[in-house]
All heavy atoms as atom14 arrays in JSON, in Angstrom:
{
  "sequence": "PNVMDLQKIFAEMLAKNVDYVVMEVSSHAIAENRIAGIEFNAAVFTNL",
  "atom14_mask": [
    [1, 1, 1, 1, 1, 1, 1, 0, 0, 0, 0, 0, 0, 0],
    [1, 1, 1, 1, 1, 1, 1, 1, 0, 0, 0, 0, 0, 0],
    [1, 1, 1, 1, 1, 1, 1, 0, 0, 0, 0, 0, 0, 0],
    [1, 1, 1, 1, 1, 1, 1, 1, 0, 0, 0, 0, 0, 0],
    [1, 1, 1, 1, 1, 1, 1, 1, 0, 0, 0, 0, 0, 0],
    [1, 1, 1, 1, 1, 1, 1, 1, 0, 0, 0, 0, 0, 0],
    [1, 1, 1, 1, 1, 1, 1, 1, 1, 0, 0, 0, 0, 0],
    [1, 1, 1, 1, 1, 1, 1, 1, 1, 0, 0, 0, 0, 0],
    [1, 1, 1, 1, 1, 1, 1, 1, 0, 0, 0, 0, 0, 0],
    [1, 1, 1, 1, 1, 1, 1, 1, 1, 1, 1, 0, 0, 0],
    [1, 1, 1, 1, 1, 0, 0, 0, 0, 0, 0, 0, 0, 0],
    [1, 1, 1, 1, 1, 1, 1, 1, 1, 0, 0, 0, 0, 0],
    [1, 1, 1, 1, 1, 1, 1, 1, 0, 0, 0, 0, 0, 0],
    [1, 1, 1, 1, 1, 1, 1, 1, 0, 0, 0, 0, 0, 0],
    [1, 1, 1, 1, 1, 0, 0, 0, 0, 0, 0, 0, 0, 0],
    [1, 1, 1, 1, 1, 1, 1, 1, 1, 0, 0, 0, 0, 0],
    [1, 1, 1, 1, 1, 1, 1, 1, 0, 0, 0, 0, 0, 0],
    [1, 1, 1, 1, 1, 1, 1, 0, 0, 0, 0, 0, 0, 0],
    [1, 1, 1, 1, 1, 1, 1, 1, 0, 0, 0, 0, 0, 0],
    [1, 1, 1, 1, 1, 1, 1, 1, 1, 1, 1, 1, 0, 0],
    [1, 1, 1, 1, 1, 1, 1, 0, 0, 0, 0, 0, 0, 0],
    [1, 1, 1, 1, 1, 1, 1, 0, 0, 0, 0, 0, 0, 0],
    [1, 1, 1, 1, 1, 1, 1, 1, 0, 0, 0, 0, 0, 0],
    [1, 1, 1, 1, 1, 1, 1, 1, 1, 0, 0, 0, 0, 0],
    [1, 1, 1, 1, 1, 1, 1, 0, 0, 0, 0, 0, 0, 0],
    [1, 1, 1, 1, 1, 1, 0, 0, 0, 0, 0, 0, 0, 0],
    [1, 1, 1, 1, 1, 1, 0, 0, 0, 0, 0, 0, 0, 0],
    [1, 1, 1, 1, 1, 1, 1, 1, 1, 1, 0, 0, 0, 0],
    [1, 1, 1, 1, 1, 0, 0, 0, 0, 0, 0, 0, 0, 0],
    [1, 1, 1, 1, 1, 1, 1, 1, 0, 0, 0, 0, 0, 0],
    [1, 1, 1, 1, 1, 0, 0, 0, 0, 0, 0, 0, 0, 0],
    [1, 1, 1, 1, 1, 1, 1, 1, 1, 0, 0, 0, 0, 0],
    [1, 1, 1, 1, 1, 1, 1, 1, 0, 0, 0, 0, 0, 0],
    [1, 1, 1, 1, 1, 1, 1, 1, 1, 1, 1, 0, 0, 0],
    [1, 1, 1, 1, 1, 1, 1, 1, 0, 0, 0, 0, 0, 0],
    [1, 1, 1, 1, 1, 0, 0, 0, 0, 0, 0, 0, 0, 0],
    [1, 1, 1, 1, 0, 0, 0, 0, 0, 0, 0, 0, 0, 0],
    [1, 1, 1, 1, 1, 1, 1, 1, 0, 0, 0, 0, 0, 0],
    [1, 1, 1, 1, 1, 1, 1, 1, 1, 0, 0, 0, 0, 0],
    [1, 1, 1, 1, 1, 1, 1, 1, 1, 1, 1, 0, 0, 0],
    [1, 1, 1, 1, 1, 1, 1, 1, 0, 0, 0, 0, 0, 0],
    [1, 1, 1, 1, 1, 0, 0, 0, 0, 0, 0, 0, 0, 0],
    [1, 1, 1, 1, 1, 0, 0, 0, 0, 0, 0, 0, 0, 0],
    [1, 1, 1, 1, 1, 1, 1, 0, 0, 0, 0, 0, 0, 0],
    [1, 1, 1, 1, 1, 1, 1, 1, 1, 1, 1, 0, 0, 0],
    [1, 1, 1, 1, 1, 1, 1, 0, 0, 0, 0, 0, 0, 0],
    [1, 1, 1, 1, 1, 1, 1, 1, 0, 0, 0, 0, 0, 0],
    [1, 1, 1, 1, 1, 1, 1, 1, 0, 0, 0, 0, 0, 0]
  ],
  "atom14_positions": [
    [[69.1, 127.4, 152.1], [69.66, 126.24, 151.44], [70.9, 125.69, 152.04], [71.6, 126.49, 152.81], [69.85, 126.69, 149.96], [68.99, 127.9, 149.84], [68.94, 128.56, 151.21], [0.0, 0.0, 0.0], [0.0, 0.0, 0.0], [0.0, 0.0, 0.0], [0.0, 0.0, 0.0], [0.0, 0.0, 0.0], [0.0, 0.0, 0.0], [0.0, 0.0, 0.0]],
    [[71.4, 124.52, 151.72], [72.64, 124.03, 152.2], [73.78, 124.84, 151.6], [73.58, 125.6, 150.66], [72.81, 122.55, 152.03], [72.9, 122.15, 150.53], [73.63, 122.73, 149.74], [72.13, 121.18, 150.15], [0.0, 0.0, 0.0], [0.0, 0.0, 0.0], [0.0, 0.0, 0.0], [0.0, 0.0, 0.0], [0.0, 0.0, 0.0], [0.0, 0.0, 0.0]],
    [[74.99, 124.69, 152.15], [76.14, 125.49, 151.76], [76.44, 125.39, 150.28], [76.84, 126.31, 149.59], [77.39, 125.17, 152.58], [77.87, 123.79, 152.38], [78.49, 126.22, 152.36], [0.0, 0.0, 0.0], [0.0, 0.0, 0.0], [0.0, 0.0, 0.0], [0.0, 0.0, 0.0], [0.0, 0.0, 0.0], [0.0, 0.0, 0.0], [0.0, 0.0, 0.0]],
    [[76.22, 124.18, 149.7], [76.49, 123.94, 148.24], [75.55, 124.75, 147.4], [75.9, 125.46, 146.47], [76.47, 122.47, 147.91], [77.65, 121.7, 148.46], [77.42, 119.91, 148.35], [76.33, 119.59, 149.74], [0.0, 0.0, 0.0], [0.0, 0.0, 0.0], [0.0, 0.0, 0.0], [0.0, 0.0, 0.0], [0.0, 0.0, 0.0], [0.0, 0.0, 0.0]],
    [[74.24, 124.57, 147.69], [73.24, 125.28, 146.91], [73.33, 126.79, 147.1], [73.19, 127.53, 146.14], [71.83, 124.76, 147.3], [71.63, 123.32, 146.86], [72.24, 122.91, 145.9], [70.76, 122.67, 147.5], [0.0, 0.0, 0.0], [0.0, 0.0, 0.0], [0.0, 0.0, 0.0], [0.0, 0.0, 0.0], [0.0, 0.0, 0.0], [0.0, 0.0, 0.0]],
    [[73.56, 127.19, 148.32], [73.6, 128.6, 148.64], [74.7, 129.31, 147.95], [74.56, 130.43, 147.36], [73.67, 128.79, 150.15], [73.43, 130.19, 150.68], [72.12, 130.76, 150.28], [73.56, 130.23, 152.22], [0.0, 0.0, 0.0], [0.0, 0.0, 0.0], [0.0, 0.0, 0.0], [0.0, 0.0, 0.0], [0.0, 0.0, 0.0], [0.0, 0.0, 0.0]],
    [[75.98, 128.77, 148.01], [77.06, 129.4, 147.32], [76.86, 129.47, 145.77], [77.27, 130.4, 145.16], [78.34, 128.66, 147.65], [78.81, 128.84, 149.08], [79.19, 130.3, 149.43], [79.75, 130.96, 148.6], [78.8, 130.75, 150.62], [0.0, 0.0, 0.0], [0.0, 0.0, 0.0], [0.0, 0.0, 0.0], [0.0, 0.0, 0.0], [0.0, 0.0, 0.0]],
    [[76.24, 128.43, 145.27], [75.93, 128.41, 143.81], [74.92, 129.55, 143.48], [75.07, 130.22, 142.48], [75.33, 127.1, 143.4], [75.17, 126.86, 141.9], [74.69, 125.5, 141.55], [74.55, 125.33, 140.05], [74.07, 123.94, 139.73], [0.0, 0.0, 0.0], [0.0, 0.0, 0.0], [0.0, 0.0, 0.0], [0.0, 0.0, 0.0], [0.0, 0.0, 0.0]],
    [[73.95, 129.73, 144.41], [72.98, 130.76, 144.21], [73.64, 132.16, 144.26], [73.35, 133.01, 143.37], [71.88, 130.7, 145.32], [70.95, 129.49, 145.08], [71.05, 132.02, 145.35], [70.06, 129.13, 146.24], [0.0, 0.0, 0.0], [0.0, 0.0, 0.0], [0.0, 0.0, 0.0], [0.0, 0.0, 0.0], [0.0, 0.0, 0.0], [0.0, 0.0, 0.0]],
    [[74.48, 132.31, 145.2], [75.26, 133.64, 145.26], [76.08, 133.82, 144.04], [76.16, 135.0, 143.54], [76.14, 133.65, 146.49], [75.48, 134.17, 147.74], [74.8, 133.34, 148.64], [75.4, 135.56, 147.96], [74.25, 133.8, 149.77], [74.78, 136.08, 149.11], [74.14, 135.2, 150.03], [0.0, 0.0, 0.0], [0.0, 0.0, 0.0], [0.0, 0.0, 0.0]],
    [[76.71, 132.85, 143.5], [77.53, 133.0, 142.27], [76.62, 133.37, 141.1], [76.98, 134.22, 140.29], [78.29, 131.64, 141.99], [0.0, 0.0, 0.0], [0.0, 0.0, 0.0], [0.0, 0.0, 0.0], [0.0, 0.0, 0.0], [0.0, 0.0, 0.0], [0.0, 0.0, 0.0], [0.0, 0.0, 0.0], [0.0, 0.0, 0.0], [0.0, 0.0, 0.0]],
    [[75.46, 132.73, 141.01], [74.51, 133.11, 139.98], [74.06, 134.58, 140.07], [73.86, 135.32, 139.09], [73.27, 132.14, 139.98], [73.63, 130.73, 139.58], [72.45, 129.79, 139.72], [71.36, 130.27, 140.08], [72.6, 128.61, 139.45], [0.0, 0.0, 0.0], [0.0, 0.0, 0.0], [0.0, 0.0, 0.0], [0.0, 0.0, 0.0], [0.0, 0.0, 0.0]],
    [[73.69, 134.99, 141.34], [73.35, 136.38, 141.61], [74.41, 137.4, 141.16], [74.14, 138.4, 140.55], [72.95, 136.57, 142.99], [71.62, 135.9, 143.42], [71.16, 136.15, 145.13], [69.52, 135.48, 145.14], [0.0, 0.0, 0.0], [0.0, 0.0, 0.0], [0.0, 0.0, 0.0], [0.0, 0.0, 0.0], [0.0, 0.0, 0.0], [0.0, 0.0, 0.0]],
    [[75.64, 137.04, 141.54], [76.79, 137.92, 141.15], [76.91, 138.06, 139.67], [77.12, 139.12, 139.1], [78.05, 137.41, 141.82], [79.27, 138.23, 141.54], [79.14, 139.62, 142.17], [80.54, 137.54, 142.06], [0.0, 0.0, 0.0], [0.0, 0.0, 0.0], [0.0, 0.0, 0.0], [0.0, 0.0, 0.0], [0.0, 0.0, 0.0], [0.0, 0.0, 0.0]],
    [[76.73, 136.9, 138.96], [76.86, 136.86, 137.48], [75.79, 137.69, 136.87], [75.99, 138.23, 135.76], [76.84, 135.4, 136.99], [0.0, 0.0, 0.0], [0.0, 0.0, 0.0], [0.0, 0.0, 0.0], [0.0, 0.0, 0.0], [0.0, 0.0, 0.0], [0.0, 0.0, 0.0], [0.0, 0.0, 0.0], [0.0, 0.0, 0.0], [0.0, 0.0, 0.0]],
    [[74.66, 137.83, 137.53], [73.55, 138.64, 137.0], [73.52, 140.04, 137.52], [72.44, 140.72, 137.55], [72.22, 137.93, 137.28], [72.12, 136.62, 136.47], [70.73, 135.98, 136.64], [70.7, 134.71, 135.76], [69.36, 134.05, 135.84], [0.0, 0.0, 0.0], [0.0, 0.0, 0.0], [0.0, 0.0, 0.0], [0.0, 0.0, 0.0], [0.0, 0.0, 0.0]],
    [[74.69, 140.47, 138.1], [74.86, 141.87, 138.55], [73.95, 142.34, 139.68], [73.5, 143.48, 139.72], [74.7, 142.82, 137.34], [75.69, 142.51, 136.23], [76.84, 142.37, 136.46], [75.16, 142.34, 135.0], [0.0, 0.0, 0.0], [0.0, 0.0, 0.0], [0.0, 0.0, 0.0], [0.0, 0.0, 0.0], [0.0, 0.0, 0.0], [0.0, 0.0, 0.0]],
    [[73.71, 141.42, 140.58], [72.95, 141.8, 141.81], [73.78, 142.65, 142.67], [74.93, 142.42, 142.91], [72.44, 140.54, 142.53], [71.99, 140.8, 143.94], [71.33, 139.78, 141.76], [0.0, 0.0, 0.0], [0.0, 0.0, 0.0], [0.0, 0.0, 0.0], [0.0, 0.0, 0.0], [0.0, 0.0, 0.0], [0.0, 0.0, 0.0], [0.0, 0.0, 0.0]],
    [[73.13, 143.71, 143.25], [73.82, 144.64, 144.17], [73.71, 144.17, 145.66], [74.61, 144.24, 146.41], [73.3, 146.03, 144.07], [73.44, 146.51, 142.66], [74.6, 146.68, 142.14], [72.41, 146.92, 142.02], [0.0, 0.0, 0.0], [0.0, 0.0, 0.0], [0.0, 0.0, 0.0], [0.0, 0.0, 0.0], [0.0, 0.0, 0.0], [0.0, 0.0, 0.0]],
    [[72.45, 143.81, 145.94], [72.12, 143.4, 147.33], [71.48, 142.01, 147.37], [70.71, 141.65, 146.48], [71.07, 144.34, 147.93], [71.62, 145.67, 148.48], [71.77, 146.68, 147.61], [71.9, 145.81, 149.88], [72.25, 147.95, 148.13], [72.41, 147.03, 150.3], [72.55, 148.1, 149.46], [73.04, 149.29, 149.91], [0.0, 0.0, 0.0], [0.0, 0.0, 0.0]],
    [[71.78, 141.23, 148.4], [71.09, 139.99, 148.66], [70.39, 140.08, 150.03], [71.06, 140.39, 151.06], [72.05, 138.76, 148.65], [71.26, 137.51, 148.99], [72.78, 138.67, 147.36], [0.0, 0.0, 0.0], [0.0, 0.0, 0.0], [0.0, 0.0, 0.0], [0.0, 0.0, 0.0], [0.0, 0.0, 0.0], [0.0, 0.0, 0.0], [0.0, 0.0, 0.0]],
    [[69.12, 139.94, 149.98], [68.29, 139.97, 151.25], [67.92, 138.49, 151.52], [67.23, 137.88, 150.64], [67.07, 140.83, 151.11], [66.3, 140.86, 152.47], [67.47, 142.24, 150.67], [0.0, 0.0, 0.0], [0.0, 0.0, 0.0], [0.0, 0.0, 0.0], [0.0, 0.0, 0.0], [0.0, 0.0, 0.0], [0.0, 0.0, 0.0], [0.0, 0.0, 0.0]],
    [[68.31, 137.99, 152.67], [67.97, 136.54, 152.91], [67.48, 136.23, 154.29], [67.9, 136.87, 155.25], [69.24, 135.74, 152.63], [70.47, 135.9, 153.47], [71.87, 134.86, 153.07], [71.23, 133.21, 153.42], [0.0, 0.0, 0.0], [0.0, 0.0, 0.0], [0.0, 0.0, 0.0], [0.0, 0.0, 0.0], [0.0, 0.0, 0.0], [0.0, 0.0, 0.0]],
    [[66.49, 135.35, 154.39], [66.1, 134.83, 155.63], [67.18, 133.82, 156.11], [67.63, 132.99, 155.35], [64.71, 134.15, 155.49], [63.62, 135.08, 155.08], [62.27, 134.36, 154.99], [61.99, 133.56, 155.95], [61.59, 134.56, 153.94], [0.0, 0.0, 0.0], [0.0, 0.0, 0.0], [0.0, 0.0, 0.0], [0.0, 0.0, 0.0], [0.0, 0.0, 0.0]],
    [[67.51, 133.87, 157.39], [68.49, 132.99, 157.94], [67.86, 132.24, 159.12], [67.59, 132.83, 160.16], [69.76, 133.78, 158.41], [70.83, 132.81, 158.9], [70.31, 134.62, 157.31], [0.0, 0.0, 0.0], [0.0, 0.0, 0.0], [0.0, 0.0, 0.0], [0.0, 0.0, 0.0], [0.0, 0.0, 0.0], [0.0, 0.0, 0.0], [0.0, 0.0, 0.0]],
    [[67.67, 130.93, 158.89], [67.04, 130.12, 160.0], [68.06, 129.74, 161.02], [69.29, 129.69, 160.8], [66.45, 128.8, 159.31], [67.45, 127.98, 158.82], [0.0, 0.0, 0.0], [0.0, 0.0, 0.0], [0.0, 0.0, 0.0], [0.0, 0.0, 0.0], [0.0, 0.0, 0.0], [0.0, 0.0, 0.0], [0.0, 0.0, 0.0], [0.0, 0.0, 0.0]],
    [[67.56, 129.31, 162.18], [68.44, 128.87, 163.27], [69.11, 127.59, 162.84], [70.29, 127.33, 163.18], [67.68, 128.69, 164.53], [66.61, 127.79, 164.34], [0.0, 0.0, 0.0], [0.0, 0.0, 0.0], [0.0, 0.0, 0.0], [0.0, 0.0, 0.0], [0.0, 0.0, 0.0], [0.0, 0.0, 0.0], [0.0, 0.0, 0.0], [0.0, 0.0, 0.0]],
    [[68.49, 126.73, 162.11], [69.06, 125.46, 161.61], [70.28, 125.78, 160.74], [71.3, 125.12, 160.82], [68.05, 124.68, 160.82], [66.95, 124.1, 161.61], [65.91, 124.88, 162.12], [66.61, 122.83, 162.0], [65.06, 124.1, 162.84], [65.48, 122.88, 162.75], [0.0, 0.0, 0.0], [0.0, 0.0, 0.0], [0.0, 0.0, 0.0], [0.0, 0.0, 0.0]],
    [[70.17, 126.79, 159.89], [71.21, 127.12, 158.97], [72.42, 127.61, 159.72], [73.58, 127.39, 159.36], [70.73, 128.15, 157.94], [0.0, 0.0, 0.0], [0.0, 0.0, 0.0], [0.0, 0.0, 0.0], [0.0, 0.0, 0.0], [0.0, 0.0, 0.0], [0.0, 0.0, 0.0], [0.0, 0.0, 0.0], [0.0, 0.0, 0.0], [0.0, 0.0, 0.0]],
    [[72.19, 128.42, 160.78], [73.32, 128.9, 161.61], [73.95, 127.79, 162.31], [75.21, 127.6, 162.3], [72.77, 129.99, 162.58], [72.17, 131.14, 161.86], [73.97, 130.4, 163.51], [71.44, 132.15, 162.75], [0.0, 0.0, 0.0], [0.0, 0.0, 0.0], [0.0, 0.0, 0.0], [0.0, 0.0, 0.0], [0.0, 0.0, 0.0], [0.0, 0.0, 0.0]],
    [[73.16, 126.89, 162.94], [73.76, 125.83, 163.69], [74.5, 124.84, 162.81], [75.56, 124.28, 163.27], [72.61, 125.03, 164.4], [0.0, 0.0, 0.0], [0.0, 0.0, 0.0], [0.0, 0.0, 0.0], [0.0, 0.0, 0.0], [0.0, 0.0, 0.0], [0.0, 0.0, 0.0], [0.0, 0.0, 0.0], [0.0, 0.0, 0.0], [0.0, 0.0, 0.0]],
    [[74.06, 124.63, 161.58], [74.69, 123.67, 160.64], [75.7, 124.35, 159.75], [76.25, 123.71, 158.82], [73.59, 122.92, 159.82], [72.67, 122.09, 160.74], [71.48, 121.57, 160.01], [71.37, 121.8, 158.78], [70.57, 121.03, 160.64], [0.0, 0.0, 0.0], [0.0, 0.0, 0.0], [0.0, 0.0, 0.0], [0.0, 0.0, 0.0], [0.0, 0.0, 0.0]],
    [[75.93, 125.67, 160.02], [76.93, 126.36, 159.26], [76.68, 126.38, 157.69], [77.65, 126.34, 156.92], [78.36, 125.9, 159.53], [79.4, 127.01, 159.26], [79.06, 128.19, 159.2], [80.66, 126.66, 159.11], [0.0, 0.0, 0.0], [0.0, 0.0, 0.0], [0.0, 0.0, 0.0], [0.0, 0.0, 0.0], [0.0, 0.0, 0.0], [0.0, 0.0, 0.0]],
    [[75.44, 126.36, 157.32], [75.09, 126.5, 155.91], [75.45, 127.9, 155.35], [75.58, 128.04, 154.14], [73.54, 126.28, 155.65], [73.01, 124.92, 156.1], [71.56, 124.83, 155.79], [70.82, 123.97, 156.73], [69.57, 124.01, 156.91], [68.79, 124.8, 156.15], [68.95, 123.19, 157.7], [0.0, 0.0, 0.0], [0.0, 0.0, 0.0], [0.0, 0.0, 0.0]],
    [[75.64, 128.84, 156.25], [75.96, 130.2, 155.78], [77.48, 130.47, 155.8], [77.9, 131.59, 155.69], [75.26, 131.22, 156.69], [75.62, 130.96, 158.13], [73.75, 131.2, 156.43], [74.97, 132.06, 159.08], [0.0, 0.0, 0.0], [0.0, 0.0, 0.0], [0.0, 0.0, 0.0], [0.0, 0.0, 0.0], [0.0, 0.0, 0.0], [0.0, 0.0, 0.0]],
    [[78.24, 129.39, 155.81], [79.73, 129.53, 155.73], [80.15, 130.24, 154.53], [79.57, 130.07, 153.42], [80.32, 128.14, 155.74], [0.0, 0.0, 0.0], [0.0, 0.0, 0.0], [0.0, 0.0, 0.0], [0.0, 0.0, 0.0], [0.0, 0.0, 0.0], [0.0, 0.0, 0.0], [0.0, 0.0, 0.0], [0.0, 0.0, 0.0], [0.0, 0.0, 0.0]],
    [[81.11, 131.12, 154.66], [81.69, 131.88, 153.51], [80.87, 133.16, 153.23], [81.26, 133.87, 152.2], [0.0, 0.0, 0.0], [0.0, 0.0, 0.0], [0.0, 0.0, 0.0], [0.0, 0.0, 0.0], [0.0, 0.0, 0.0], [0.0, 0.0, 0.0], [0.0, 0.0, 0.0], [0.0, 0.0, 0.0], [0.0, 0.0, 0.0], [0.0, 0.0, 0.0]],
    [[79.85, 133.47, 153.94], [79.04, 134.66, 153.64], [79.39, 135.77, 154.63], [79.43, 135.52, 155.82], [77.54, 134.34, 153.77], [77.16, 133.26, 152.7], [76.73, 135.69, 153.54], [75.74, 132.81, 152.88], [0.0, 0.0, 0.0], [0.0, 0.0, 0.0], [0.0, 0.0, 0.0], [0.0, 0.0, 0.0], [0.0, 0.0, 0.0], [0.0, 0.0, 0.0]],
    [[79.69, 136.91, 154.12], [79.93, 138.07, 154.94], [78.6, 138.91, 154.98], [78.2, 139.45, 153.94], [81.07, 139.0, 154.42], [82.46, 138.35, 154.64], [83.6, 139.38, 154.29], [83.26, 140.43, 153.77], [84.75, 139.05, 154.57], [0.0, 0.0, 0.0], [0.0, 0.0, 0.0], [0.0, 0.0, 0.0], [0.0, 0.0, 0.0], [0.0, 0.0, 0.0]],
    [[78.03, 138.99, 156.17], [76.79, 139.72, 156.32], [77.13, 141.21, 156.63], [77.81, 141.43, 157.64], [75.95, 139.14, 157.42], [75.35, 137.78, 157.04], [76.02, 136.64, 157.4], [74.17, 137.72, 156.41], [75.52, 135.39, 157.02], [73.58, 136.53, 156.08], [74.28, 135.33, 156.38], [0.0, 0.0, 0.0], [0.0, 0.0, 0.0], [0.0, 0.0, 0.0]],
    [[76.7, 142.04, 155.79], [76.87, 143.48, 156.06], [75.97, 143.97, 157.16], [76.31, 144.85, 157.94], [76.64, 144.29, 154.77], [77.65, 143.96, 153.72], [77.41, 143.13, 152.83], [78.82, 144.54, 153.79], [0.0, 0.0, 0.0], [0.0, 0.0, 0.0], [0.0, 0.0, 0.0], [0.0, 0.0, 0.0], [0.0, 0.0, 0.0], [0.0, 0.0, 0.0]],
    [[74.72, 143.35, 157.19], [73.79, 143.72, 158.22], [73.03, 142.49, 158.68], [72.77, 141.56, 157.91], [72.83, 144.74, 157.73], [0.0, 0.0, 0.0], [0.0, 0.0, 0.0], [0.0, 0.0, 0.0], [0.0, 0.0, 0.0], [0.0, 0.0, 0.0], [0.0, 0.0, 0.0], [0.0, 0.0, 0.0], [0.0, 0.0, 0.0], [0.0, 0.0, 0.0]],
    [[72.58, 142.48, 159.97], [71.71, 141.42, 160.44], [70.56, 142.06, 161.15], [70.64, 143.09, 161.82], [72.54, 140.6, 161.51], [0.0, 0.0, 0.0], [0.0, 0.0, 0.0], [0.0, 0.0, 0.0], [0.0, 0.0, 0.0], [0.0, 0.0, 0.0], [0.0, 0.0, 0.0], [0.0, 0.0, 0.0], [0.0, 0.0, 0.0], [0.0, 0.0, 0.0]],
    [[69.33, 141.39, 160.97], [68.07, 141.89, 161.54], [67.48, 140.84, 162.42], [67.39, 139.65, 162.12], [67.1, 142.21, 160.34], [65.77, 142.73, 160.98], [67.71, 143.2, 159.39], [0.0, 0.0, 0.0], [0.0, 0.0, 0.0], [0.0, 0.0, 0.0], [0.0, 0.0, 0.0], [0.0, 0.0, 0.0], [0.0, 0.0, 0.0], [0.0, 0.0, 0.0]],
    [[66.98, 141.28, 163.59], [66.29, 140.41, 164.53], [64.9, 140.87, 164.61], [64.59, 142.02, 164.95], [66.98, 140.42, 165.88], [66.21, 139.67, 166.97], [66.1, 138.31, 166.89], [65.62, 140.37, 167.98], [65.33, 137.59, 167.84], [64.85, 139.66, 168.95], [64.73, 138.28, 168.87], [0.0, 0.0, 0.0], [0.0, 0.0, 0.0], [0.0, 0.0, 0.0]],
    [[63.95, 140.01, 164.37], [62.49, 140.27, 164.45], [61.97, 140.01, 165.79], [61.48, 140.87, 166.48], [61.7, 139.54, 163.34], [61.89, 138.1, 163.55], [62.18, 139.93, 161.98], [0.0, 0.0, 0.0], [0.0, 0.0, 0.0], [0.0, 0.0, 0.0], [0.0, 0.0, 0.0], [0.0, 0.0, 0.0], [0.0, 0.0, 0.0], [0.0, 0.0, 0.0]],
    [[62.01, 138.72, 166.27], [61.44, 138.36, 167.54], [61.79, 136.89, 167.84], [62.33, 136.26, 166.96], [59.89, 138.55, 167.53], [59.26, 137.84, 166.39], [59.36, 136.59, 166.22], [58.62, 138.64, 165.46], [0.0, 0.0, 0.0], [0.0, 0.0, 0.0], [0.0, 0.0, 0.0], [0.0, 0.0, 0.0], [0.0, 0.0, 0.0], [0.0, 0.0, 0.0]],
    [[61.47, 136.44, 169.03], [61.77, 135.11, 169.43], [60.53, 134.53, 170.2], [60.25, 135.03, 171.29], [62.99, 135.02, 170.28], [63.59, 133.58, 170.44], [64.34, 133.22, 169.17], [64.59, 133.53, 171.58], [0.0, 0.0, 0.0], [0.0, 0.0, 0.0], [0.0, 0.0, 0.0], [0.0, 0.0, 0.0], [0.0, 0.0, 0.0], [0.0, 0.0, 0.0]]
  ]
}
C-alpha cells in the first residue's frame, strides 16, 4: 500500500499487539518510497 495506508495499517497492528509483521515488498513500493519510516529487521530475496 501507499505510505499513508501502510503506516495506518502498522499503527492498527501495533494497537492489536502484533509481534511480527511479514510483508511482501514490491519493486514499485521501493522505488516510490511507500515503505518510508519502516525499519526492516530482515529482508528476503526469492528470485528475479
